[in-house]
Amino acid sequence: MSSVKLVRLPEKFDFSYHKKFNEEMDTALKNPEVSNIDLDFSTVSYLDSAALGMIVYLHKKASAVNKSIAIINASGTAAEILKVANIERIVTVK
């Protein structure tokens, strides 16, 4: 049975969030019941290069344990930044 871990991201997704993000992701990655991690961008209005780096690093760690990552509900500026960064090349964007 596959399970999705939904992670709601803050309005300002930047380096200041990395510790909490990494702790939450490590827990999800170690959980054998979780097969997919959905990053909910519904409230994100700002993200920086550190946030993009966190997503890339999460993808690398998730791939190593056969889990998938998806970005959901991205809109506005956040969606534009993700598109310019070509993040869909490594992570599913729904």
PDB file of N, CA and C in Angstrom:
ATOM      1  N   MET A   1       0.836  -1.184   0.000  1.00  0.00           N
ATOM      2  CA  MET A   1       0.000   0.000   0.000  1.00  0.00           C
ATOM      3  C   MET A   1       0.880   1.246   0.000  1.00  0.00           C
ATOM      4  N   SER A   2       0.656   2.119  -0.953  1.00  0.00           N
ATOM      5  CA  SER A   2       1.469   3.328  -1.011  1.00  0.00           C
ATOM      6  C   SER A   2       0.784   4.444  -0.244  1.00  0.00           C
ATOM      7  N   SER A   3       1.601   5.293   0.306  1.00  0.00           N
ATOM      8  CA  SER A   3       1.092   6.387   1.095  1.00  0.00           C
ATOM      9  C   SER A   3       1.762   7.682   0.656  1.00  0.00           C
ATOM     10  N   VAL A   4       0.987   8.755   0.662  1.00  0.00           N
ATOM     11  CA  VAL A   4       1.507  10.060   0.271  1.00  0.00           C
ATOM     12  C   VAL A   4       1.674  10.918   1.514  1.00  0.00           C
ATOM     13  N   LYS A   5       2.846  11.495   1.660  1.00  0.00           N
ATOM     14  CA  LYS A   5       3.109  12.456   2.728  1.00  0.00           C
ATOM     15  C   LYS A   5       2.911  13.840   2.127  1.00  0.00           C
ATOM     16  N   LEU A   6       1.940  14.584   2.638  1.00  0.00           N
ATOM     17  CA  LEU A   6       1.675  15.936   2.164  1.00  0.00           C
ATOM     18  C   LEU A   6       2.424  16.918   3.053  1.00  0.00           C
ATOM     19  N   VAL A   7       3.245  17.765   2.427  1.00  0.00           N
ATOM     20  CA  VAL A   7       4.034  18.747   3.164  1.00  0.00           C
ATOM     21  C   VAL A   7       3.609  20.136   2.720  1.00  0.00           C
ATOM     22  N   ARG A   8       2.994  20.866   3.630  1.00  0.00           N
ATOM     23  CA  ARG A   8       2.581  22.240   3.326  1.00  0.00           C
ATOM     24  C   ARG A   8       3.761  23.165   3.579  1.00  0.00           C
ATOM     25  N   LEU A   9       4.129  23.883   2.549  1.00  0.00           N
ATOM     26  CA  LEU A   9       5.288  24.775   2.641  1.00  0.00           C
ATOM     27  C   LEU A   9       4.850  26.175   3.062  1.00  0.00           C
ATOM     28  N   PRO A  10       5.767  26.940   3.660  1.00  0.00           N
ATOM     29  CA  PRO A  10       5.421  28.281   4.133  1.00  0.00           C
ATOM     30  C   PRO A  10       5.314  29.282   2.981  1.00  0.00           C
ATOM     31  N   GLU A  11       4.713  30.419   3.271  1.00  0.00           N
ATOM     32  CA  GLU A  11       4.576  31.480   2.269  1.00  0.00           C
ATOM     33  C   GLU A  11       5.943  31.907   1.731  1.00  0.00           C
ATOM     34  N   LYS A  12       6.916  31.980   2.616  1.00  0.00           N
ATOM     35  CA  LYS A  12       8.284  32.352   2.227  1.00  0.00           C
ATOM     36  C   LYS A  12       9.163  31.106   2.360  1.00  0.00           C
ATOM     37  N   PHE A  13       9.363  30.426   1.246  1.00  0.00           N
ATOM     38  CA  PHE A  13      10.139  29.185   1.213  1.00  0.00           C
ATOM     39  C   PHE A  13      11.572  29.545   0.837  1.00  0.00           C
ATOM     40  N   ASP A  14      12.421  29.674   1.852  1.00  0.00           N
ATOM     41  CA  ASP A  14      13.805  30.074   1.620  1.00  0.00           C
ATOM     42  C   ASP A  14      14.722  29.370   2.617  1.00  0.00           C
ATOM     43  N   PHE A  15      15.964  29.810   2.676  1.00  0.00           N
ATOM     44  CA  PHE A  15      16.963  29.158   3.514  1.00  0.00           C
ATOM     45  C   PHE A  15      16.550  29.099   4.978  1.00  0.00           C
ATOM     46  N   SER A  16      15.792  30.067   5.452  1.00  0.00           N
ATOM     47  CA  SER A  16      15.393  30.078   6.864  1.00  0.00           C
ATOM     48  C   SER A  16      14.517  28.869   7.216  1.00  0.00           C
ATOM     49  N   TYR A  17      13.964  28.203   6.228  1.00  0.00           N
ATOM     50  CA  TYR A  17      13.092  27.047   6.444  1.00  0.00           C
ATOM     51  C   TYR A  17      13.839  25.716   6.308  1.00  0.00           C
ATOM     52  N   HIS A  18      15.109  25.752   5.943  1.00  0.00           N
ATOM     53  CA  HIS A  18      15.818  24.510   5.599  1.00  0.00           C
ATOM     54  C   HIS A  18      15.904  23.501   6.739  1.00  0.00           C
ATOM     55  N   LYS A  19      16.098  23.944   7.967  1.00  0.00           N
ATOM     56  CA  LYS A  19      16.225  22.994   9.074  1.00  0.00           C
ATOM     57  C   LYS A  19      14.917  22.225   9.270  1.00  0.00           C
ATOM     58  N   LYS A  20      13.818  22.938   9.344  1.00  0.00           N
ATOM     59  CA  LYS A  20      12.508  22.292   9.512  1.00  0.00           C
ATOM     60  C   LYS A  20      12.193  21.396   8.312  1.00  0.00           C
ATOM     61  N   PHE A  21      12.483  21.884   7.109  1.00  0.00           N
ATOM     62  CA  PHE A  21      12.248  21.114   5.886  1.00  0.00           C
ATOM     63  C   PHE A  21      13.037  19.805   5.920  1.00  0.00           C
ATOM     64  N   ASN A  22      14.326  19.886   6.226  1.00  0.00           N
ATOM     65  CA  ASN A  22      15.167  18.689   6.242  1.00  0.00           C
ATOM     66  C   ASN A  22      14.713  17.695   7.308  1.00  0.00           C
ATOM     67  N   GLU A  23      14.319  18.196   8.486  1.00  0.00           N
ATOM     68  CA  GLU A  23      13.846  17.298   9.537  1.00  0.00           C
ATOM     69  C   GLU A  23      12.575  16.566   9.100  1.00  0.00           C
ATOM     70  N   GLU A  24      11.642  17.313   8.515  1.00  0.00           N
ATOM     71  CA  GLU A  24      10.377  16.711   8.084  1.00  0.00           C
ATOM     72  C   GLU A  24      10.614  15.720   6.933  1.00  0.00           C
ATOM     73  N   MET A  25      11.502  16.073   6.009  1.00  0.00           N
ATOM     74  CA  MET A  25      11.779  15.186   4.875  1.00  0.00           C
ATOM     75  C   MET A  25      12.504  13.924   5.328  1.00  0.00           C
ATOM     76  N   ASP A  26      13.454  14.056   6.246  1.00  0.00           N
ATOM     77  CA  ASP A  26      14.161  12.875   6.733  1.00  0.00           C
ATOM     78  C   ASP A  26      13.194  11.891   7.389  1.00  0.00           C
ATOM     79  N   THR A  27      12.236  12.406   8.148  1.00  0.00           N
ATOM     80  CA  THR A  27      11.228  11.547   8.772  1.00  0.00           C
ATOM     81  C   THR A  27      10.411  10.826   7.707  1.00  0.00           C
ATOM     82  N   ALA A  28       9.974  11.554   6.684  1.00  0.00           N
ATOM     83  CA  ALA A  28       9.177  10.946   5.609  1.00  0.00           C
ATOM     84  C   ALA A  28       9.996   9.926   4.827  1.00  0.00           C
ATOM     85  N   LEU A  29      11.251  10.236   4.558  1.00  0.00           N
ATOM     86  CA  LEU A  29      12.088   9.325   3.784  1.00  0.00           C
ATOM     87  C   LEU A  29      12.385   8.032   4.547  1.00  0.00           C
ATOM     88  N   LYS A  30      12.448   8.103   5.858  1.00  0.00           N
ATOM     89  CA  LYS A  30      12.720   6.914   6.674  1.00  0.00           C
ATOM     90  C   LYS A  30      11.472   6.073   6.924  1.00  0.00           C
ATOM     91  N   ASN A  31      10.295   6.654   6.682  1.00  0.00           N
ATOM     92  CA  ASN A  31       9.044   5.952   6.939  1.00  0.00           C
ATOM     93  C   ASN A  31       8.763   4.964   5.792  1.00  0.00           C
ATOM     94  N   PRO A  32       8.760   3.664   6.083  1.00  0.00           N
ATOM     95  CA  PRO A  32       8.545   2.685   5.013  1.00  0.00           C
ATOM     96  C   PRO A  32       7.142   2.735   4.405  1.00  0.00           C
ATOM     97  N   GLU A  33       6.191   3.339   5.101  1.00  0.00           N
ATOM     98  CA  GLU A  33       4.834   3.429   4.576  1.00  0.00           C
ATOM     99  C   GLU A  33       4.659   4.560   3.568  1.00  0.00           C
ATOM    100  N   VAL A  34       5.600   5.495   3.539  1.00  0.00           N
ATOM    101  CA  VAL A  34       5.517   6.627   2.618  1.00  0.00           C
ATOM    102  C   VAL A  34       6.239   6.278   1.312  1.00  0.00           C
ATOM    103  N   SER A  35       5.508   6.382   0.200  1.00  0.00           N
ATOM    104  CA  SER A  35       6.127   6.116  -1.098  1.00  0.00           C
ATOM    105  C   SER A  35       6.223   7.383  -1.946  1.00  0.00           C
ATOM    106  N   ASN A  36       5.400   8.367  -1.626  1.00  0.00           N
ATOM    107  CA  ASN A  36       5.388   9.625  -2.379  1.00  0.00           C
ATOM    108  C   ASN A  36       5.351  10.798  -1.405  1.00  0.00           C
ATOM    109  N   ILE A  37       6.055  11.863  -1.766  1.00  0.00           N
ATOM    110  CA  ILE A  37       6.030  13.094  -0.982  1.00  0.00           C
ATOM    111  C   ILE A  37       5.525  14.204  -1.887  1.00  0.00           C
ATOM    112  N   ASP A  38       4.413  14.828  -1.493  1.00  0.00           N
ATOM    113  CA  ASP A  38       3.853  15.954  -2.238  1.00  0.00           C
ATOM    114  C   ASP A  38       4.183  17.244  -1.509  1.00  0.00           C
ATOM    115  N   LEU A  39       4.853  18.136  -2.206  1.00  0.00           N
ATOM    116  CA  LEU A  39       5.180  19.454  -1.661  1.00  0.00           C
ATOM    117  C   LEU A  39       4.069  20.408  -2.068  1.00  0.00           C
ATOM    118  N   ASP A  40       3.284  20.844  -1.104  1.00  0.00           N
ATOM    119  CA  ASP A  40       2.128  21.704  -1.371  1.00  0.00           C
ATOM    120  C   ASP A  40       2.569  23.169  -1.398  1.00  0.00           C
ATOM    121  N   PHE A  41       2.540  23.738  -2.582  1.00  0.00           N
ATOM    122  CA  PHE A  41       2.960  25.122  -2.798  1.00  0.00           C
ATOM    123  C   PHE A  41       1.786  26.099  -2.752  1.00  0.00           C
ATOM    124  N   SER A  42       0.616  25.690  -2.257  1.00  0.00           N
ATOM    125  CA  SER A  42      -0.570  26.539  -2.335  1.00  0.00           C
ATOM    126  C   SER A  42      -0.416  27.886  -1.638  1.00  0.00           C
ATOM    127  N   THR A  43       0.419  27.967  -0.615  1.00  0.00           N
ATOM    128  CA  THR A  43       0.608  29.251   0.073  1.00  0.00           C
ATOM    129  C   THR A  43       1.934  29.927  -0.255  1.00  0.00           C
ATOM    130  N   VAL A  44       2.788  29.271  -1.040  1.00  0.00           N
ATOM    131  CA  VAL A  44       4.112  29.832  -1.338  1.00  0.00           C
ATOM    132  C   VAL A  44       3.987  30.994  -2.319  1.00  0.00           C
ATOM    133  N   SER A  45       4.475  32.147  -1.885  1.00  0.00           N
ATOM    134  CA  SER A  45       4.490  33.313  -2.774  1.00  0.00           C
ATOM    135  C   SER A  45       5.919  33.731  -3.094  1.00  0.00           C
ATOM    136  N   TYR A  46       6.893  33.167  -2.359  1.00  0.00           N
ATOM    137  CA  TYR A  46       8.297  33.506  -2.568  1.00  0.00           C
ATOM    138  C   TYR A  46       9.147  32.268  -2.348  1.00  0.00           C
ATOM    139  N   LEU A  47      10.080  32.028  -3.248  1.00  0.00           N
ATOM    140  CA  LEU A  47      11.091  31.011  -3.025  1.00  0.00           C
ATOM    141  C   LEU A  47      12.389  31.487  -3.636  1.00  0.00           C
ATOM    142  N   ASP A  48      13.493  31.051  -3.057  1.00  0.00           N
ATOM    143  CA  ASP A  48      14.805  31.486  -3.545  1.00  0.00           C
ATOM    144  C   ASP A  48      15.616  30.279  -4.018  1.00  0.00           C
ATOM    145  N   SER A  49      16.854  30.533  -4.370  1.00  0.00           N
ATOM    146  CA  SER A  49      17.703  29.455  -4.884  1.00  0.00           C
ATOM    147  C   SER A  49      17.950  28.381  -3.834  1.00  0.00           C
ATOM    148  N   ALA A  50      17.952  28.749  -2.567  1.00  0.00           N
ATOM    149  CA  ALA A  50      18.118  27.748  -1.509  1.00  0.00           C
ATOM    150  C   ALA A  50      16.943  26.773  -1.514  1.00  0.00           C
ATOM    151  N   ALA A  51      15.734  27.288  -1.735  1.00  0.00           N
ATOM    152  CA  ALA A  51      14.555  26.420  -1.801  1.00  0.00           C
ATOM    153  C   ALA A  51      14.663  25.464  -2.978  1.00  0.00           C
ATOM    154  N   LEU A  52      15.107  25.974  -4.111  1.00  0.00           N
ATOM    155  CA  LEU A  52      15.301  25.105  -5.280  1.00  0.00           C
ATOM    156  C   LEU A  52      16.334  24.028  -4.972  1.00  0.00           C
ATOM    157  N   GLY A  53      17.392  24.421  -4.290  1.00  0.00           N
ATOM    158  CA  GLY A  53      18.420  23.465  -3.895  1.00  0.00           C
ATOM    159  C   GLY A  53      17.878  22.402  -2.958  1.00  0.00           C
ATOM    160  N   MET A  54      16.998  22.800  -2.041  1.00  0.00           N
ATOM    161  CA  MET A  54      16.393  21.832  -1.116  1.00  0.00           C
ATOM    162  C   MET A  54      15.556  20.813  -1.873  1.00  0.00           C
ATOM    163  N   ILE A  55      14.847  21.274  -2.897  1.00  0.00           N
ATOM    164  CA  ILE A  55      14.016  20.367  -3.702  1.00  0.00           C
ATOM    165  C   ILE A  55      14.907  19.388  -4.475  1.00  0.00           C
ATOM    166  N   VAL A  56      15.973  19.894  -5.069  1.00  0.00           N
ATOM    167  CA  VAL A  56      16.894  19.036  -5.823  1.00  0.00           C
ATOM    168  C   VAL A  56      17.535  18.003  -4.904  1.00  0.00           C
ATOM    169  N   TYR A  57      17.971  18.441  -3.743  1.00  0.00           N
ATOM    170  CA  TYR A  57      18.605  17.520  -2.796  1.00  0.00           C
ATOM    171  C   TYR A  57      17.595  16.488  -2.282  1.00  0.00           C
ATOM    172  N   LEU A  58      16.366  16.931  -2.040  1.00  0.00           N
ATOM    173  CA  LEU A  58      15.318  16.002  -1.624  1.00  0.00           C
ATOM    174  C   LEU A  58      15.080  14.950  -2.704  1.00  0.00           C
ATOM    175  N   HIS A  59      15.038  15.380  -3.953  1.00  0.00           N
ATOM    176  CA  HIS A  59      14.856  14.438  -5.059  1.00  0.00           C
ATOM    177  C   HIS A  59      15.964  13.385  -5.061  1.00  0.00           C
ATOM    178  N   LYS A  60      17.188  13.830  -4.865  1.00  0.00           N
ATOM    179  CA  LYS A  60      18.336  12.909  -4.847  1.00  0.00           C
ATOM    180  C   LYS A  60      18.196  11.897  -3.710  1.00  0.00           C
ATOM    181  N   LYS A  61      17.863  12.375  -2.515  1.00  0.00           N
ATOM    182  CA  LYS A  61      17.710  11.480  -1.367  1.00  0.00           C
ATOM    183  C   LYS A  61      16.513  10.546  -1.549  1.00  0.00           C
ATOM    184  N   ALA A  62      15.414  11.054  -2.104  1.00  0.00           N
ATOM    185  CA  ALA A  62      14.218  10.231  -2.313  1.00  0.00           C
ATOM    186  C   ALA A  62      14.473   9.140  -3.350  1.00  0.00           C
ATOM    187  N   SER A  63      15.169   9.494  -4.414  1.00  0.00           N
ATOM    188  CA  SER A  63      15.486   8.508  -5.451  1.00  0.00           C
ATOM    189  C   SER A  63      16.297   7.354  -4.883  1.00  0.00           C
ATOM    190  N   ALA A  64      17.184   7.661  -3.953  1.00  0.00           N
ATOM    191  CA  ALA A  64      18.038   6.631  -3.351  1.00  0.00           C
ATOM    192  C   ALA A  64      17.235   5.611  -2.552  1.00  0.00           C
ATOM    193  N   VAL A  65      16.032   5.992  -2.099  1.00  0.00           N
ATOM    194  CA  VAL A  65      15.196   5.071  -1.328  1.00  0.00           C
ATOM    195  C   VAL A  65      13.878   4.758  -2.051  1.00  0.00           C
ATOM    196  N   ASN A  66      13.894   4.953  -3.382  1.00  0.00           N
ATOM    197  CA  ASN A  66      12.747   4.620  -4.246  1.00  0.00           C
ATOM    198  C   ASN A  66      11.441   5.305  -3.861  1.00  0.00           C
ATOM    199  N   LYS A  67      11.537   6.590  -3.568  1.00  0.00           N
ATOM    200  CA  LYS A  67      10.345   7.386  -3.286  1.00  0.00           C
ATOM    201  C   LYS A  67      10.267   8.501  -4.316  1.00  0.00           C
ATOM    202  N   SER A  68       9.061   8.966  -4.581  1.00  0.00           N
ATOM    203  CA  SER A  68       8.907  10.018  -5.579  1.00  0.00           C
ATOM    204  C   SER A  68       8.482  11.333  -4.921  1.00  0.00           C
ATOM    205  N   ILE A  69       8.804  12.407  -5.616  1.00  0.00           N
ATOM    206  CA  ILE A  69       8.500  13.756  -5.146  1.00  0.00           C
ATOM    207  C   ILE A  69       7.612  14.427  -6.188  1.00  0.00           C
ATOM    208  N   ALA A  70       6.621  15.173  -5.719  1.00  0.00           N
ATOM    209  CA  ALA A  70       5.778  15.956  -6.622  1.00  0.00           C
ATOM    210  C   ALA A  70       5.535  17.328  -5.991  1.00  0.00           C
ATOM    211  N   ILE A  71       5.415  18.316  -6.846  1.00  0.00           N
ATOM    212  CA  ILE A  71       5.044  19.660  -6.417  1.00  0.00           C
ATOM    213  C   ILE A  71       3.597  19.853  -6.841  1.00  0.00           C
ATOM    214  N   ILE A  72       2.760  20.259  -5.897  1.00  0.00           N
ATOM    215  CA  ILE A  72       1.348  20.469  -6.203  1.00  0.00           C
ATOM    216  C   ILE A  72       0.933  21.890  -5.838  1.00  0.00           C
ATOM    217  N   ASN A  73      -0.093  22.364  -6.518  1.00  0.00           N
ATOM    218  CA  ASN A  73      -0.735  23.647  -6.218  1.00  0.00           C
ATOM    219  C   ASN A  73       0.171  24.870  -6.348  1.00  0.00           C
ATOM    220  N   ALA A  74       1.199  24.810  -7.175  1.00  0.00           N
ATOM    221  CA  ALA A  74       2.050  25.989  -7.383  1.00  0.00           C
ATOM    222  C   ALA A  74       1.332  26.958  -8.314  1.00  0.00           C
ATOM    223  N   SER A  75       1.392  28.241  -7.980  1.00  0.00           N
ATOM    224  CA  SER A  75       0.762  29.250  -8.825  1.00  0.00           C
ATOM    225  C   SER A  75       1.521  30.566  -8.705  1.00  0.00           C
ATOM    226  N   GLY A  76       1.176  31.492  -9.566  1.00  0.00           N
ATOM    227  CA  GLY A  76       1.756  32.825  -9.511  1.00  0.00           C
ATOM    228  C   GLY A  76       3.267  32.838  -9.673  1.00  0.00           C
ATOM    229  N   THR A  77       3.906  33.674  -8.889  1.00  0.00           N
ATOM    230  CA  THR A  77       5.363  33.841  -8.959  1.00  0.00           C
ATOM    231  C   THR A  77       6.097  32.543  -8.663  1.00  0.00           C
ATOM    232  N   ALA A  78       5.616  31.796  -7.681  1.00  0.00           N
ATOM    233  CA  ALA A  78       6.268  30.531  -7.342  1.00  0.00           C
ATOM    234  C   ALA A  78       6.272  29.580  -8.535  1.00  0.00           C
ATOM    235  N   ALA A  79       5.136  29.472  -9.227  1.00  0.00           N
ATOM    236  CA  ALA A  79       5.047  28.606 -10.406  1.00  0.00           C
ATOM    237  C   ALA A  79       5.977  29.090 -11.508  1.00  0.00           C
ATOM    238  N   GLU A  80       6.070  30.403 -11.685  1.00  0.00           N
ATOM    239  CA  GLU A  80       6.965  30.956 -12.707  1.00  0.00           C
ATOM    240  C   GLU A  80       8.423  30.630 -12.399  1.00  0.00           C
ATOM    241  N   ILE A  81       8.818  30.771 -11.138  1.00  0.00           N
ATOM    242  CA  ILE A  81      10.204  30.470 -10.745  1.00  0.00           C
ATOM    243  C   ILE A  81      10.508  28.993 -10.979  1.00  0.00           C
ATOM    244  N   LEU A  82       9.580  28.126 -10.609  1.00  0.00           N
ATOM    245  CA  LEU A  82       9.776  26.688 -10.834  1.00  0.00           C
ATOM    246  C   LEU A  82       9.913  26.388 -12.318  1.00  0.00           C
ATOM    247  N   LYS A  83       9.127  27.062 -13.145  1.00  0.00           N
ATOM    248  CA  LYS A  83       9.183  26.842 -14.595  1.00  0.00           C
ATOM    249  C   LYS A  83      10.521  27.315 -15.167  1.00  0.00           C
ATOM    250  N   VAL A  84      10.956  28.501 -14.773  1.00  0.00           N
ATOM    251  CA  VAL A  84      12.234  29.050 -15.263  1.00  0.00           C
ATOM    252  C   VAL A  84      13.396  28.160 -14.829  1.00  0.00           C
ATOM    253  N   ALA A  85      13.291  27.595 -13.634  1.00  0.00           N
ATOM    254  CA  ALA A  85      14.345  26.722 -13.114  1.00  0.00           C
ATOM    255  C   ALA A  85      14.294  25.314 -13.711  1.00  0.00           C
ATOM    256  N   ASN A  86      13.289  25.043 -14.554  1.00  0.00           N
ATOM    257  CA  ASN A  86      13.119  23.714 -15.166  1.00  0.00           C
ATOM    258  C   ASN A  86      13.030  22.599 -14.129  1.00  0.00           C
ATOM    259  N   ILE A  87      12.412  22.894 -13.010  1.00  0.00           N
ATOM    260  CA  ILE A  87      12.331  21.905 -11.936  1.00  0.00           C
ATOM    261  C   ILE A  87      11.549  20.664 -12.370  1.00  0.00           C
ATOM    262  N   GLU A  88      10.650  20.830 -13.369  1.00  0.00           N
ATOM    263  CA  GLU A  88       9.861  19.680 -13.834  1.00  0.00           C
ATOM    264  C   GLU A  88      10.728  18.611 -14.506  1.00  0.00           C
ATOM    265  N   ARG A  89      11.964  18.943 -14.789  1.00  0.00           N
ATOM    266  CA  ARG A  89      12.870  17.931 -15.376  1.00  0.00           C
ATOM    267  C   ARG A  89      13.238  16.863 -14.358  1.00  0.00           C
ATOM    268  N   ILE A  90      13.164  17.193 -13.067  1.00  0.00           N
ATOM    269  CA  ILE A  90      13.527  16.194 -12.051  1.00  0.00           C
ATOM    270  C   ILE A  90      12.390  15.838 -11.104  1.00  0.00           C
ATOM    271  N   VAL A  91      11.410  16.734 -10.972  1.00  0.00           N
ATOM    272  CA  VAL A  91      10.305  16.520 -10.034  1.00  0.00           C
ATOM    273  C   VAL A  91       8.995  16.704 -10.784  1.00  0.00           C
ATOM    274  N   THR A  92       8.029  15.859 -10.532  1.00  0.00           N
ATOM    275  CA  THR A  92       6.718  16.003 -11.131  1.00  0.00           C
ATOM    276  C   THR A  92       6.052  17.269 -10.604  1.00  0.00           C
ATOM    277  N   VAL A  93       5.526  18.087 -11.508  1.00  0.00           N
ATOM    278  CA  VAL A  93       4.782  19.278 -11.115  1.00  0.00           C
ATOM    279  C   VAL A  93       3.334  19.069 -11.545  1.00  0.00           C
ATOM    280  N   LYS A  94       2.438  19.031 -10.570  1.00  0.00           N
ATOM    281  CA  LYS A  94       1.015  18.775 -10.850  1.00  0.00           C
ATOM    282  C   LYS A  94       0.236  20.062 -10.778  1.00  0.00           C
TER     283      LYS A  94
END
